[in-house]
């Protein structure tokens, strides 16, 4: 009797282990589907001339030509 009960417990543990593994795999797939993506573009942040953090690159300041200043 002890032998049959022992093998029964082993089978139950194996079933539990498989079930846990399947749940873990499902959670992993769910996270992959819901992820926003880890692309490099999504992680880059820009800093403007005043030290503010921006998602998009700041506009470059307009450079004035020295020739146009001299004419006026």
PDB file of N, CA and C in Angstrom:
ATOM      1  N   UNK A   1       0.797  -1.192   0.000  1.00  0.00           N
ATOM      2  CA  UNK A   1       0.000   0.000   0.000  1.00  0.00           C
ATOM      3  C   UNK A   1       0.846   1.264   0.000  1.00  0.00           C
ATOM      4  N   UNK A   2       1.882   1.275   0.732  1.00  0.00           N
ATOM      5  CA  UNK A   2       2.736   2.456   0.795  1.00  0.00           C
ATOM      6  C   UNK A   2       3.328   2.767  -0.567  1.00  0.00           C
ATOM      7  N   UNK A   3       3.613   1.719  -1.297  1.00  0.00           N
ATOM      8  CA  UNK A   3       4.220   1.925  -2.606  1.00  0.00           C
ATOM      9  C   UNK A   3       3.226   2.592  -3.567  1.00  0.00           C
ATOM     10  N   UNK A   4       2.008   2.167  -3.628  1.00  0.00           N
ATOM     11  CA  UNK A   4       1.016   2.747  -4.527  1.00  0.00           C
ATOM     12  C   UNK A   4       0.684   4.188  -4.139  1.00  0.00           C
ATOM     13  N   UNK A   5       0.633   4.443  -2.851  1.00  0.00           N
ATOM     14  CA  UNK A   5       0.339   5.794  -2.396  1.00  0.00           C
ATOM     15  C   UNK A   5       1.507   6.726  -2.724  1.00  0.00           C
ATOM     16  N   UNK A   6       2.705   6.219  -2.619  1.00  0.00           N
ATOM     17  CA  UNK A   6       3.892   7.006  -2.918  1.00  0.00           C
ATOM     18  C   UNK A   6       3.915   7.401  -4.397  1.00  0.00           C
ATOM     19  N   UNK A   7       3.605   6.466  -5.277  1.00  0.00           N
ATOM     20  CA  UNK A   7       3.595   6.773  -6.702  1.00  0.00           C
ATOM     21  C   UNK A   7       2.456   7.750  -7.041  1.00  0.00           C
ATOM     22  N   UNK A   8       1.340   7.645  -6.325  1.00  0.00           N
ATOM     23  CA  UNK A   8       0.226   8.563  -6.522  1.00  0.00           C
ATOM     24  C   UNK A   8       0.645   9.994  -6.190  1.00  0.00           C
ATOM     25  N   UNK A   9       1.380  10.153  -5.097  1.00  0.00           N
ATOM     26  CA  UNK A   9       1.854  11.477  -4.680  1.00  0.00           C
ATOM     27  C   UNK A   9       2.822  12.030  -5.721  1.00  0.00           C
ATOM     28  N   UNK A  10       3.674  11.172  -6.266  1.00  0.00           N
ATOM     29  CA  UNK A  10       4.613  11.616  -7.292  1.00  0.00           C
ATOM     30  C   UNK A  10       3.863  12.133  -8.520  1.00  0.00           C
ATOM     31  N   UNK A  11       2.812  11.424  -8.910  1.00  0.00           N
ATOM     32  CA  UNK A  11       2.020  11.840 -10.069  1.00  0.00           C
ATOM     33  C   UNK A  11       1.342  13.180  -9.802  1.00  0.00           C
ATOM     34  N   UNK A  12       0.831  13.359  -8.594  1.00  0.00           N
ATOM     35  CA  UNK A  12       0.171  14.613  -8.244  1.00  0.00           C
ATOM     36  C   UNK A  12       1.163  15.779  -8.274  1.00  0.00           C
ATOM     37  N   UNK A  13       2.355  15.547  -7.761  1.00  0.00           N
ATOM     38  CA  UNK A  13       3.385  16.592  -7.786  1.00  0.00           C
ATOM     39  C   UNK A  13       3.766  16.946  -9.220  1.00  0.00           C
ATOM     40  N   UNK A  14       3.869  15.939 -10.065  1.00  0.00           N
ATOM     41  CA  UNK A  14       4.210  16.166 -11.463  1.00  0.00           C
ATOM     42  C   UNK A  14       3.109  16.969 -12.168  1.00  0.00           C
ATOM     43  N   UNK A  15       1.854  16.664 -11.880  1.00  0.00           N
ATOM     44  CA  UNK A  15       0.740  17.408 -12.467  1.00  0.00           C
ATOM     45  C   UNK A  15       0.776  18.871 -12.025  1.00  0.00           C
ATOM     46  N   UNK A  16       1.039  19.085 -10.745  1.00  0.00           N
ATOM     47  CA  UNK A  16       1.131  20.438 -10.211  1.00  0.00           C
ATOM     48  C   UNK A  16       2.242  21.216 -10.905  1.00  0.00           C
ATOM     49  N   UNK A  17       3.362  20.532 -11.071  1.00  0.00           N
ATOM     50  CA  UNK A  17       4.536  21.153 -11.692  1.00  0.00           C
ATOM     51  C   UNK A  17       4.227  21.551 -13.141  1.00  0.00           C
ATOM     52  N   UNK A  18       3.577  20.666 -13.881  1.00  0.00           N
ATOM     53  CA  UNK A  18       3.223  20.956 -15.267  1.00  0.00           C
ATOM     54  C   UNK A  18       2.229  22.113 -15.356  1.00  0.00           C
ATOM     55  N   UNK A  19       1.252  22.108 -14.449  1.00  0.00           N
ATOM     56  CA  UNK A  19       0.247  23.167 -14.438  1.00  0.00           C
ATOM     57  C   UNK A  19       0.900  24.521 -14.161  1.00  0.00           C
ATOM     58  N   UNK A  20       1.809  24.557 -13.224  1.00  0.00           N
ATOM     59  CA  UNK A  20       2.497  25.785 -12.876  1.00  0.00           C
ATOM     60  C   UNK A  20       3.341  26.279 -14.056  1.00  0.00           C
ATOM     61  N   UNK A  21       3.987  25.340 -14.735  1.00  0.00           N
ATOM     62  CA  UNK A  21       4.816  25.686 -15.885  1.00  0.00           C
ATOM     63  C   UNK A  21       3.968  26.272 -17.013  1.00  0.00           C
ATOM     64  N   UNK A  22       2.797  25.686 -17.264  1.00  0.00           N
ATOM     65  CA  UNK A  22       1.891  26.182 -18.301  1.00  0.00           C
ATOM     66  C   UNK A  22       1.384  27.583 -17.967  1.00  0.00           C
ATOM     67  N   UNK A  23       1.030  27.807 -16.702  1.00  0.00           N
ATOM     68  CA  UNK A  23       0.561  29.124 -16.276  1.00  0.00           C
ATOM     69  C   UNK A  23       1.654  30.166 -16.456  1.00  0.00           C
ATOM     70  N   UNK A  24       2.864  29.787 -16.140  1.00  0.00           N
ATOM     71  CA  UNK A  24       3.993  30.697 -16.290  1.00  0.00           C
ATOM     72  C   UNK A  24       4.196  31.060 -17.759  1.00  0.00           C
ATOM     73  N   UNK A  25       4.072  30.087 -18.642  1.00  0.00           N
ATOM     74  CA  UNK A  25       4.222  30.317 -20.073  1.00  0.00           C
ATOM     75  C   UNK A  25       3.115  31.240 -20.594  1.00  0.00           C
ATOM     76  N   UNK A  26       1.888  31.036 -20.116  1.00  0.00           N
ATOM     77  CA  UNK A  26       0.773  31.888 -20.521  1.00  0.00           C
ATOM     78  C   UNK A  26       1.003  33.333 -20.078  1.00  0.00           C
ATOM     79  N   UNK A  27       1.475  33.527 -18.856  1.00  0.00           N
ATOM     80  CA  UNK A  27       1.755  34.869 -18.358  1.00  0.00           C
ATOM     81  C   UNK A  27       2.841  35.533 -19.198  1.00  0.00           C
ATOM     82  N   UNK A  28       3.845  34.751 -19.566  1.00  0.00           N
ATOM     83  CA  UNK A  28       4.951  35.275 -20.376  1.00  0.00           C
ATOM     84  C   UNK A  28       4.440  35.755 -21.726  1.00  0.00           C
ATOM     85  N   UNK A  29       3.588  34.951 -22.371  1.00  0.00           N
ATOM     86  CA  UNK A  29       3.024  35.321 -23.668  1.00  0.00           C
ATOM     87  C   UNK A  29       2.137  36.552 -23.546  1.00  0.00           C
ATOM     88  N   UNK A  30       1.379  36.644 -22.478  1.00  0.00           N
ATOM     89  CA  UNK A  30       0.508  37.788 -22.243  1.00  0.00           C
ATOM     90  C   UNK A  30       1.325  39.070 -22.088  1.00  0.00           C
ATOM     91  N   UNK A  31       2.422  38.999 -21.356  1.00  0.00           N
ATOM     92  CA  UNK A  31       3.293  40.160 -21.188  1.00  0.00           C
ATOM     93  C   UNK A  31       3.881  40.596 -22.526  1.00  0.00           C
ATOM     94  N   UNK A  32       4.262  39.631 -23.352  1.00  0.00           N
ATOM     95  CA  UNK A  32       4.820  39.961 -24.663  1.00  0.00           C
ATOM     96  C   UNK A  32       3.795  40.672 -25.534  1.00  0.00           C
ATOM     97  N   UNK A  33       2.543  40.222 -25.495  1.00  0.00           N
ATOM     98  CA  UNK A  33       1.487  40.825 -26.294  1.00  0.00           C
ATOM     99  C   UNK A  33       1.185  42.250 -25.834  1.00  0.00           C
ATOM    100  N   UNK A  34       1.239  42.484 -24.543  1.00  0.00           N
ATOM    101  CA  UNK A  34       0.860  43.776 -23.993  1.00  0.00           C
ATOM    102  C   UNK A  34       2.013  44.764 -23.902  1.00  0.00           C
ATOM    103  N   UNK A  35       3.205  44.331 -24.200  1.00  0.00           N
ATOM    104  CA  UNK A  35       4.337  45.233 -24.058  1.00  0.00           C
ATOM    105  C   UNK A  35       4.271  46.338 -25.108  1.00  0.00           C
ATOM    106  N   UNK A  36       4.745  47.491 -24.751  1.00  0.00           N
ATOM    107  CA  UNK A  36       4.744  48.641 -25.644  1.00  0.00           C
ATOM    108  C   UNK A  36       5.920  48.577 -26.607  1.00  0.00           C
ATOM    109  N   UNK A  37       6.833  47.727 -26.298  1.00  0.00           N
ATOM    110  CA  UNK A  37       8.009  47.611 -27.152  1.00  0.00           C
ATOM    111  C   UNK A  37       9.187  48.280 -26.484  1.00  0.00           C
ATOM    112  N   UNK A  38      10.316  47.686 -26.615  1.00  0.00           N
ATOM    113  CA  UNK A  38      11.511  48.231 -25.998  1.00  0.00           C
ATOM    114  C   UNK A  38      12.455  48.772 -27.037  1.00  0.00           C
ATOM    115  N   UNK A  39      11.903  49.396 -28.062  1.00  0.00           N
ATOM    116  CA  UNK A  39      12.763  49.912 -29.116  1.00  0.00           C
ATOM    117  C   UNK A  39      13.597  51.077 -28.583  1.00  0.00           C
ATOM    118  N   UNK A  40      14.693  51.309 -29.234  1.00  0.00           N
ATOM    119  CA  UNK A  40      15.600  52.365 -28.811  1.00  0.00           C
ATOM    120  C   UNK A  40      14.945  53.733 -28.933  1.00  0.00           C
ATOM    121  N   UNK A  41      14.144  53.925 -29.963  1.00  0.00           N
ATOM    122  CA  UNK A  41      13.481  55.214 -30.151  1.00  0.00           C
ATOM    123  C   UNK A  41      12.533  55.537 -29.005  1.00  0.00           C
ATOM    124  N   UNK A  42      11.910  54.519 -28.441  1.00  0.00           N
ATOM    125  CA  UNK A  42      10.982  54.736 -27.338  1.00  0.00           C
ATOM    126  C   UNK A  42      11.715  55.090 -26.045  1.00  0.00           C
ATOM    127  N   UNK A  43      12.986  54.725 -25.955  1.00  0.00           N
ATOM    128  CA  UNK A  43      13.731  54.959 -24.721  1.00  0.00           C
ATOM    129  C   UNK A  43      14.532  56.260 -24.730  1.00  0.00           C
ATOM    130  N   UNK A  44      14.682  56.893 -25.875  1.00  0.00           N
ATOM    131  CA  UNK A  44      15.515  58.097 -25.970  1.00  0.00           C
ATOM    132  C   UNK A  44      14.747  59.308 -25.453  1.00  0.00           C
ATOM    133  N   UNK A  45      15.441  60.117 -24.677  1.00  0.00           N
ATOM    134  CA  UNK A  45      14.879  61.374 -24.196  1.00  0.00           C
ATOM    135  C   UNK A  45      15.837  62.488 -24.606  1.00  0.00           C
ATOM    136  N   UNK A  46      15.280  63.644 -24.893  1.00  0.00           N
ATOM    137  CA  UNK A  46      16.071  64.789 -25.325  1.00  0.00           C
ATOM    138  C   UNK A  46      15.987  65.884 -24.275  1.00  0.00           C
ATOM    139  N   UNK A  47      17.030  66.707 -24.201  1.00  0.00           N
ATOM    140  CA  UNK A  47      17.063  67.816 -23.266  1.00  0.00           C
ATOM    141  C   UNK A  47      17.176  69.099 -24.075  1.00  0.00           C
ATOM    142  N   UNK A  48      16.273  70.053 -23.817  1.00  0.00           N
ATOM    143  CA  UNK A  48      16.335  71.315 -24.551  1.00  0.00           C
ATOM    144  C   UNK A  48      17.320  72.266 -23.897  1.00  0.00           C
ATOM    145  N   UNK A  49      17.424  73.467 -24.436  1.00  0.00           N
ATOM    146  CA  UNK A  49      18.420  74.434 -23.962  1.00  0.00           C
ATOM    147  C   UNK A  49      18.168  74.904 -22.541  1.00  0.00           C
ATOM    148  N   UNK A  50      16.942  74.720 -22.051  1.00  0.00           N
ATOM    149  CA  UNK A  50      16.604  75.139 -20.688  1.00  0.00           C
ATOM    150  C   UNK A  50      16.680  73.997 -19.681  1.00  0.00           C
ATOM    151  N   UNK A  51      17.042  72.796 -20.144  1.00  0.00           N
ATOM    152  CA  UNK A  51      17.180  71.651 -19.255  1.00  0.00           C
ATOM    153  C   UNK A  51      15.909  70.830 -19.086  1.00  0.00           C
ATOM    154  N   UNK A  52      14.903  71.098 -19.893  1.00  0.00           N
ATOM    155  CA  UNK A  52      13.655  70.332 -19.826  1.00  0.00           C
ATOM    156  C   UNK A  52      13.804  69.050 -20.629  1.00  0.00           C
ATOM    157  N   UNK A  53      13.230  67.966 -20.130  1.00  0.00           N
ATOM    158  CA  UNK A  53      13.293  66.674 -20.812  1.00  0.00           C
ATOM    159  C   UNK A  53      12.111  66.561 -21.767  1.00  0.00           C
ATOM    160  N   UNK A  54      12.409  66.176 -23.019  1.00  0.00           N
ATOM    161  CA  UNK A  54      11.392  66.085 -24.067  1.00  0.00           C
ATOM    162  C   UNK A  54      11.409  64.698 -24.700  1.00  0.00           C
ATOM    163  N   UNK A  55      10.260  64.298 -25.282  1.00  0.00           N
ATOM    164  CA  UNK A  55      10.182  63.032 -26.007  1.00  0.00           C
ATOM    165  C   UNK A  55      10.693  63.176 -27.430  1.00  0.00           C
ATOM    166  N   UNK A  56      10.490  64.336 -28.011  1.00  0.00           N
ATOM    167  CA  UNK A  56      10.922  64.566 -29.388  1.00  0.00           C
ATOM    168  C   UNK A  56      12.153  65.480 -29.390  1.00  0.00           C
ATOM    169  N   UNK A  57      12.947  65.430 -30.439  1.00  0.00           N
ATOM    170  CA  UNK A  57      14.133  66.284 -30.466  1.00  0.00           C
ATOM    171  C   UNK A  57      13.742  67.756 -30.472  1.00  0.00           C
ATOM    172  N   UNK A  58      14.470  68.576 -29.745  1.00  0.00           N
ATOM    173  CA  UNK A  58      14.134  70.002 -29.698  1.00  0.00           C
ATOM    174  C   UNK A  58      14.431  70.668 -31.040  1.00  0.00           C
ATOM    175  N   UNK A  59      13.728  71.757 -31.299  1.00  0.00           N
ATOM    176  CA  UNK A  59      13.972  72.495 -32.530  1.00  0.00           C
ATOM    177  C   UNK A  59      15.309  73.207 -32.410  1.00  0.00           C
ATOM    178  N   UNK A  60      16.053  73.194 -33.485  1.00  0.00           N
ATOM    179  CA  UNK A  60      17.351  73.862 -33.467  1.00  0.00           C
ATOM    180  C   UNK A  60      17.130  75.365 -33.541  1.00  0.00           C
ATOM    181  N   UNK A  61      17.908  76.127 -32.785  1.00  0.00           N
ATOM    182  CA  UNK A  61      17.745  77.582 -32.837  1.00  0.00           C
ATOM    183  C   UNK A  61      18.139  78.099 -34.222  1.00  0.00           C
ATOM    184  N   UNK A  62      17.412  79.116 -34.668  1.00  0.00           N
ATOM    185  CA  UNK A  62      17.699  79.680 -35.981  1.00  0.00           C
ATOM    186  C   UNK A  62      18.983  80.493 -35.918  1.00  0.00           C
ATOM    187  N   UNK A  63      19.842  80.224 -36.860  1.00  0.00           N
ATOM    188  CA  UNK A  63      21.108  80.956 -36.925  1.00  0.00           C
ATOM    189  C   UNK A  63      20.939  82.123 -37.897  1.00  0.00           C
ATOM    190  N   UNK A  64      21.338  83.292 -37.454  1.00  0.00           N
ATOM    191  CA  UNK A  64      21.231  84.464 -38.300  1.00  0.00           C
ATOM    192  C   UNK A  64      22.542  84.625 -39.072  1.00  0.00           C
ATOM    193  N   UNK A  65      22.424  85.018 -40.300  1.00  0.00           N
ATOM    194  CA  UNK A  65      23.603  85.239 -41.111  1.00  0.00           C
ATOM    195  C   UNK A  65      24.241  86.569 -40.732  1.00  0.00           C
ATOM    196  N   UNK A  66      25.543  86.584 -40.715  1.00  0.00           N
ATOM    197  CA  UNK A  66      26.255  87.817 -40.394  1.00  0.00           C
ATOM    198  C   UNK A  66      26.127  88.820 -41.530  1.00  0.00           C
ATOM    199  N   UNK A  67      25.975  88.318 -42.754  1.00  0.00           N
ATOM    200  CA  UNK A  67      25.854  89.205 -43.895  1.00  0.00           C
ATOM    201  C   UNK A  67      24.584  90.037 -43.816  1.00  0.00           C
ATOM    202  N   UNK A  68      23.491  89.443 -43.399  1.00  0.00           N
ATOM    203  CA  UNK A  68      22.224  90.184 -43.304  1.00  0.00           C
ATOM    204  C   UNK A  68      22.270  91.225 -42.198  1.00  0.00           C
ATOM    205  N   UNK A  69      23.046  90.989 -41.139  1.00  0.00           N
ATOM    206  CA  UNK A  69      23.171  91.961 -40.052  1.00  0.00           C
ATOM    207  C   UNK A  69      23.961  93.180 -40.506  1.00  0.00           C
ATOM    208  N   UNK A  70      24.983  92.944 -41.327  1.00  0.00           N
ATOM    209  CA  UNK A  70      25.828  94.035 -41.772  1.00  0.00           C
ATOM    210  C   UNK A  70      25.094  94.957 -42.741  1.00  0.00           C
ATOM    211  N   UNK A  71      24.166  94.455 -43.504  1.00  0.00           N
ATOM    212  CA  UNK A  71      23.440  95.248 -44.486  1.00  0.00           C
ATOM    213  C   UNK A  71      22.464  96.205 -43.820  1.00  0.00           C
ATOM    214  N   UNK A  72      21.955  95.886 -42.683  1.00  0.00           N
ATOM    215  CA  UNK A  72      20.966  96.730 -42.020  1.00  0.00           C
ATOM    216  C   UNK A  72      21.656  97.783 -41.269  1.00  0.00           C
TER     217      UNK A  72
END
